[in-house]
């Protein structure tokens, strides 16, 4: 009985290892994102609400309100890999579905709204 348990445990660990590799290979290595950088949470929340309600596009609000130079390009940051952005921003960007707008994300630069536009 003990031998069977050991064989099953080894087989289980082998299967988990294979699945882990498949999942790791399926993770995107780069995302393309846009962001809007503002000075406070309430402004970020208000902008997010207005975009979701259809009062303007993400790009429009980035040009109007973002404190980052990327705002002039509609907030587009281009493609980036893990480790290139501050941790809070990176976690949000790599976990956000394409096309969705994040809730406000705080970094040392201020409050960000993030929109992932592509993955590869």
Protein backbone atom coordinates (compact mmCIF):
# COMPACT_ATOMS: atom_id res chain seq x y z
CA UNK A 1 0.00 0.00 0.00
CA UNK A 2 2.85 2.37 0.86
CA UNK A 3 4.48 1.73 -2.54
CA UNK A 4 1.28 2.62 -4.39
CA UNK A 5 1.01 5.86 -2.44
CA UNK A 6 4.59 6.78 -3.30
CA UNK A 7 4.01 6.05 -7.02
CA UNK A 8 0.81 8.09 -7.01
CA UNK A 9 2.55 10.99 -5.25
CA UNK A 10 5.40 10.97 -7.77
CA UNK A 11 2.96 10.80 -10.69
CA UNK A 12 0.92 13.65 -9.21
CA UNK A 13 4.02 15.84 -8.78
CA UNK A 14 5.08 15.03 -12.34
CA UNK A 15 1.67 16.05 -13.70
CA UNK A 16 1.68 19.27 -11.67
CA UNK A 17 5.14 20.04 -13.02
CA UNK A 18 3.97 19.56 -16.60
CA UNK A 19 0.89 21.71 -16.07
CA UNK A 20 2.96 24.39 -14.37
CA UNK A 21 5.20 24.60 -17.44
CA UNK A 22 2.19 24.83 -19.76
CA UNK A 23 0.71 27.65 -17.64
CA UNK A 24 4.07 29.46 -17.48
CA UNK A 25 4.45 29.21 -21.26
CA UNK A 26 0.94 30.63 -21.75
CA UNK A 27 1.60 33.74 -19.65
CA UNK A 28 2.15 36.88 -21.69
CA UNK A 29 5.71 38.16 -21.64
CA UNK A 30 4.74 41.70 -22.68
CA UNK A 31 1.72 43.92 -22.40
CA UNK A 32 0.90 47.14 -24.17
CA UNK A 33 -0.84 49.58 -21.91
CA UNK A 34 -2.00 53.15 -21.67
CA UNK A 35 -2.41 55.08 -18.46
CA UNK A 36 -3.74 58.28 -17.00
CA UNK A 37 -1.69 59.71 -14.13
CA UNK A 38 -3.44 62.11 -11.75
CA UNK A 39 -2.74 63.52 -8.32
CA UNK A 40 -5.52 62.04 -6.22
CA UNK A 41 -7.74 59.00 -5.88
CA UNK A 42 -11.02 60.88 -6.25
CA UNK A 43 -10.04 62.42 -9.56
CA UNK A 44 -8.96 59.00 -10.86
CA UNK A 45 -12.27 57.47 -9.74
CA UNK A 46 -14.27 60.27 -11.37
CA UNK A 47 -12.39 59.94 -14.67
CA UNK A 48 -12.87 56.16 -14.63
CA UNK A 49 -16.60 56.54 -14.02
CA UNK A 50 -16.96 59.05 -16.86
CA UNK A 51 -15.08 56.79 -19.29
CA UNK A 52 -17.17 53.76 -18.31
CA UNK A 53 -20.36 55.85 -18.65
CA UNK A 54 -19.31 56.77 -22.20
CA UNK A 55 -18.73 60.47 -21.58
CA UNK A 56 -15.35 60.33 -23.30
CA UNK A 57 -12.64 57.93 -24.40
CA UNK A 58 -9.65 56.84 -22.36
CA UNK A 59 -7.38 58.61 -24.84
CA UNK A 60 -9.34 61.87 -24.53
CA UNK A 61 -9.06 61.87 -20.73
CA UNK A 62 -5.36 61.00 -20.92
CA UNK A 63 -4.73 64.02 -23.16
CA UNK A 64 -6.82 66.29 -20.92
CA UNK A 65 -5.76 65.24 -17.42
CA UNK A 66 -2.67 63.01 -17.33
CA UNK A 67 0.41 64.48 -15.63
CA UNK A 68 2.62 62.07 -17.59
CA UNK A 69 4.13 63.06 -20.96
CA UNK A 70 2.53 59.91 -22.41
CA UNK A 71 -0.80 61.70 -22.01
CA UNK A 72 -0.16 63.55 -25.26
CA UNK A 73 -0.14 60.13 -26.99
CA UNK A 74 -3.45 59.17 -25.38
CA UNK A 75 -1.56 57.61 -22.48
CA UNK A 76 0.13 54.95 -24.63
CA UNK A 77 3.22 53.47 -22.95
CA UNK A 78 3.92 50.91 -25.66
CA UNK A 79 4.93 47.33 -24.87
CA UNK A 80 6.79 46.50 -21.68
CA UNK A 81 8.02 43.36 -19.94
CA UNK A 82 7.86 42.31 -16.32
CA UNK A 83 10.36 44.24 -14.25
CA UNK A 84 10.25 47.43 -16.32
CA UNK A 85 7.53 49.23 -14.33
CA UNK A 86 7.10 49.85 -10.62
CA UNK A 87 5.63 46.77 -8.91
CA UNK A 88 2.11 48.10 -8.22
CA UNK A 89 1.71 49.24 -11.82
CA UNK A 90 3.11 45.99 -13.21
CA UNK A 91 0.85 43.76 -11.12
CA UNK A 92 -2.23 45.68 -12.24
CA UNK A 93 -1.20 45.76 -15.92
CA UNK A 94 -0.30 42.07 -16.19
CA UNK A 95 -3.53 41.00 -14.47
CA UNK A 96 -5.92 43.29 -16.34
CA UNK A 97 -7.93 41.91 -19.27
CA UNK A 98 -7.37 43.62 -22.62
CA UNK A 99 -9.66 46.62 -23.04
CA UNK A 100 -10.68 46.93 -19.38
CA UNK A 101 -9.86 49.98 -17.26
CA UNK A 102 -8.28 49.36 -13.86
CA UNK A 103 -9.47 50.82 -10.62
CA UNK A 104 -7.10 53.55 -9.41
CA UNK A 105 -3.61 52.19 -8.73
CA UNK A 106 -1.26 54.06 -6.38
CA UNK A 107 2.48 54.35 -7.05
CA UNK A 108 5.07 56.86 -5.88
CA UNK A 109 4.21 58.91 -8.99
CA UNK A 110 0.53 59.31 -8.15
CA UNK A 111 -2.74 57.60 -9.05
CA UNK A 112 -2.97 55.67 -12.33
CA UNK A 113 -5.82 54.38 -14.41
CA UNK A 114 -4.49 51.61 -16.62
CA UNK A 115 -5.90 50.18 -19.82
CA UNK A 116 -4.19 47.17 -21.39
CA UNK A 117 -4.50 47.33 -25.17
CA UNK A 118 -2.56 44.19 -26.18
CA UNK A 119 -0.58 41.17 -24.96
CA UNK A 120 2.10 39.12 -26.60
